[in-house]
Amino acid sequence: MSTDNEIAAEPQNAGHGIDEAMIEQVVRAFYDRVRKDDLIGPVFRDRIQDWEPHLQQMFAFWSSVTLMSGRYRGQPMVKHAFLPIDSRHFDRWLSLFGETARELCPPAAAEAFVDRAHRIAASLELGVAMQDGQMLRKGERLHRPDNVLQLPTGT
């Protein structure tokens, strides 16, 4: 499992064209979609009352991940370990993030964002599973009973 520092310490993908303005554009558009999403929207809305500080933190996170800026100093695993989520939530997060990046960015930048998003999601999913007492093998996904998850009504 990658640690939070290892996520940010991956080598920069030179030539991807990502800059701070692009990061802000992608992050803002992505979270606009998240807030409207039936599956992951409630998970975020129940925990974030003031969105601007969260967005600023996400700008710093993605700057550190894509530009090696070192701006982010948080611990994502701590924030995610106890959330009522499983592979369905990670898949939706990746889908929304990928759609957003591909719509807003040139291909090389979009793929750099998406590649990092997949690594981050895999690391967080593994960490959430471990917190839940599950040891996932390579290729296994985190599946939890519906009654312990935050799911849309009628799911």
Protein backbone atom coordinates (compact mmCIF):
# COMPACT_ATOMS: atom_id res chain seq x y z
CA MET A 1 0.00 0.00 0.00
CA SER A 2 1.27 3.46 -0.82
CA THR A 3 1.61 5.92 1.99
CA ASP A 4 0.33 9.46 1.65
CA ASN A 5 3.88 10.66 1.04
CA GLU A 6 4.47 8.06 -1.68
CA ILE A 7 1.38 9.24 -3.55
CA ALA A 8 2.81 12.76 -3.77
CA ALA A 9 6.36 11.55 -4.42
CA GLU A 10 5.73 9.88 -7.78
CA PRO A 11 7.87 11.30 -10.58
CA GLN A 12 6.43 14.21 -12.51
CA ASN A 13 5.10 13.32 -15.94
CA ALA A 14 7.04 15.90 -17.94
CA GLY A 15 5.18 17.27 -20.89
CA HIS A 16 1.65 16.66 -19.64
CA GLY A 17 0.84 20.37 -19.71
CA ILE A 18 -0.85 20.54 -16.31
CA ASP A 19 -0.56 23.84 -14.47
CA GLU A 20 -2.19 25.35 -11.37
CA ALA A 21 -4.99 26.98 -13.40
CA MET A 22 -5.88 23.65 -15.02
CA ILE A 23 -5.85 21.93 -11.64
CA GLU A 24 -8.30 24.48 -10.25
CA GLN A 25 -10.57 24.15 -13.29
CA VAL A 26 -10.64 20.35 -13.10
CA VAL A 27 -11.11 20.21 -9.33
CA ARG A 28 -13.95 22.77 -9.32
CA ALA A 29 -15.76 21.06 -12.20
CA PHE A 30 -15.27 17.63 -10.66
CA TYR A 31 -16.71 18.65 -7.29
CA ASP A 32 -19.65 20.33 -9.03
CA ARG A 33 -20.42 16.88 -10.45
CA VAL A 34 -19.76 15.15 -7.13
CA ARG A 35 -22.27 17.36 -5.32
CA LYS A 36 -24.98 16.38 -7.82
CA ASP A 37 -24.17 12.66 -7.83
CA ASP A 38 -26.65 10.32 -6.13
CA LEU A 39 -24.00 7.86 -4.93
CA ILE A 40 -21.00 9.85 -3.76
CA GLY A 41 -22.60 13.28 -3.37
CA PRO A 42 -24.19 12.47 0.01
CA VAL A 43 -20.89 11.10 1.37
CA PHE A 44 -19.26 14.46 0.68
CA ARG A 45 -22.23 16.66 1.60
CA ASP A 46 -22.58 15.01 5.01
CA ARG A 47 -18.98 15.87 5.84
CA ILE A 48 -18.28 19.17 4.09
CA GLN A 49 -20.27 22.24 5.07
CA ASP A 50 -17.91 24.91 3.71
CA TRP A 51 -16.72 23.81 0.27
CA GLU A 52 -14.15 26.50 -0.49
CA PRO A 53 -11.59 25.35 2.14
CA HIS A 54 -12.01 21.78 0.89
CA LEU A 55 -11.48 22.89 -2.71
CA GLN A 56 -8.36 24.84 -1.72
CA GLN A 57 -7.02 21.71 -0.04
CA MET A 58 -7.78 19.67 -3.16
CA PHE A 59 -5.98 22.22 -5.36
CA ALA A 60 -2.92 21.76 -3.14
CA PHE A 61 -3.30 17.97 -3.21
CA TRP A 62 -3.51 17.75 -7.00
CA SER A 63 -0.68 20.26 -7.35
CA SER A 64 1.50 18.01 -5.23
CA VAL A 65 0.42 14.89 -7.10
CA THR A 66 0.78 16.25 -10.64
CA LEU A 67 3.37 19.03 -10.34
CA MET A 68 5.43 17.81 -7.38
CA SER A 69 4.82 21.22 -5.77
CA GLY A 70 4.81 19.92 -2.21
CA ARG A 71 1.84 22.16 -1.40
CA TYR A 72 -0.27 19.43 0.20
CA ARG A 73 0.50 18.47 3.78
CA GLY A 74 -2.57 16.39 4.71
CA GLN A 75 -3.18 12.71 5.31
CA PRO A 76 -5.81 11.43 2.87
CA MET A 77 -5.96 7.96 4.42
CA VAL A 78 -7.02 9.37 7.78
CA LYS A 79 -9.88 11.27 6.09
CA HIS A 80 -11.11 8.23 4.16
CA ALA A 81 -10.47 5.24 6.43
CA PHE A 82 -13.78 5.34 8.28
CA LEU A 83 -16.09 6.47 5.48
CA PRO A 84 -19.14 4.29 4.70
CA ILE A 85 -17.89 3.47 1.20
CA ASP A 86 -16.72 0.54 -0.89
CA SER A 87 -15.61 -0.23 -4.45
CA ARG A 88 -18.84 1.21 -5.88
CA HIS A 89 -17.97 4.62 -4.47
CA PHE A 90 -14.39 4.49 -5.72
CA ASP A 91 -15.59 3.44 -9.18
CA ARG A 92 -18.03 6.34 -9.31
CA TRP A 93 -15.36 8.78 -8.10
CA LEU A 94 -13.03 7.57 -10.85
CA SER A 95 -15.75 7.76 -13.48
CA LEU A 96 -16.68 11.35 -12.61
CA PHE A 97 -13.06 12.39 -12.31
CA GLY A 98 -12.10 10.79 -15.62
CA GLU A 99 -15.05 12.35 -17.42
CA THR A 100 -14.16 15.76 -16.03
CA ALA A 101 -10.46 15.55 -16.87
CA ARG A 102 -11.09 14.27 -20.39
CA GLU A 103 -13.65 17.00 -21.11
CA LEU A 104 -11.50 19.86 -19.83
CA CYS A 105 -7.91 18.89 -20.57
CA PRO A 106 -5.74 18.08 -23.55
CA PRO A 107 -5.23 14.29 -23.88
CA ALA A 108 -1.79 14.12 -22.20
CA ALA A 109 -2.95 16.15 -19.22
CA ALA A 110 -6.19 14.20 -18.91
CA GLU A 111 -4.35 10.89 -18.91
CA ALA A 112 -1.86 12.17 -16.32
CA PHE A 113 -4.77 13.15 -14.05
CA VAL A 114 -6.61 9.87 -14.65
CA ASP A 115 -3.51 7.73 -14.09
CA ARG A 116 -2.85 9.39 -10.76
CA ALA A 117 -6.53 9.19 -9.80
CA HIS A 118 -6.48 5.42 -10.35
CA ARG A 119 -3.38 5.03 -8.18
CA ILE A 120 -4.89 7.19 -5.45
CA ALA A 121 -8.21 5.33 -5.53
CA ALA A 122 -6.48 1.94 -5.35
CA SER A 123 -4.39 3.06 -2.39
CA LEU A 124 -7.36 4.53 -0.54
CA GLU A 125 -9.56 1.50 -1.24
CA LEU A 126 -6.86 -0.78 0.14
CA GLY A 127 -6.52 1.43 3.21
CA VAL A 128 -10.27 1.51 3.84
CA ALA A 129 -10.39 -2.27 3.50
CA MET A 130 -7.53 -2.69 5.96
CA GLN A 131 -9.28 -0.39 8.44
CA ASP A 132 -12.32 -2.62 8.00
CA GLY A 133 -10.22 -5.70 8.82
CA GLN A 134 -10.04 -6.94 5.23
CA MET A 135 -6.81 -7.79 3.47
CA LEU A 136 -7.38 -7.43 -0.25
CA ARG A 137 -5.27 -9.49 -2.61
CA LYS A 138 -4.11 -8.09 -5.92
CA GLY A 139 -7.16 -7.47 -8.09
CA GLU A 140 -9.66 -7.86 -5.24
CA ARG A 141 -12.07 -5.06 -4.46
CA LEU A 142 -13.62 -3.82 -1.25
CA HIS A 143 -17.21 -5.06 -0.91
CA ARG A 144 -19.20 -4.16 2.17
CA PRO A 145 -22.79 -5.03 3.09
CA ASP A 146 -25.24 -2.35 1.93
CA ASN A 147 -26.38 -1.68 5.49
CA VAL A 148 -22.96 -0.27 6.45
CA LEU A 149 -22.64 1.93 3.38
CA GLN A 150 -23.93 5.33 2.44
CA LEU A 151 -26.07 4.51 -0.59
CA PRO A 152 -28.87 6.35 -2.37
CA THR A 153 -32.38 5.51 -1.22
CA GLY A 154 -33.77 2.54 -3.12
CA THR A 155 -30.35 1.01 -3.90
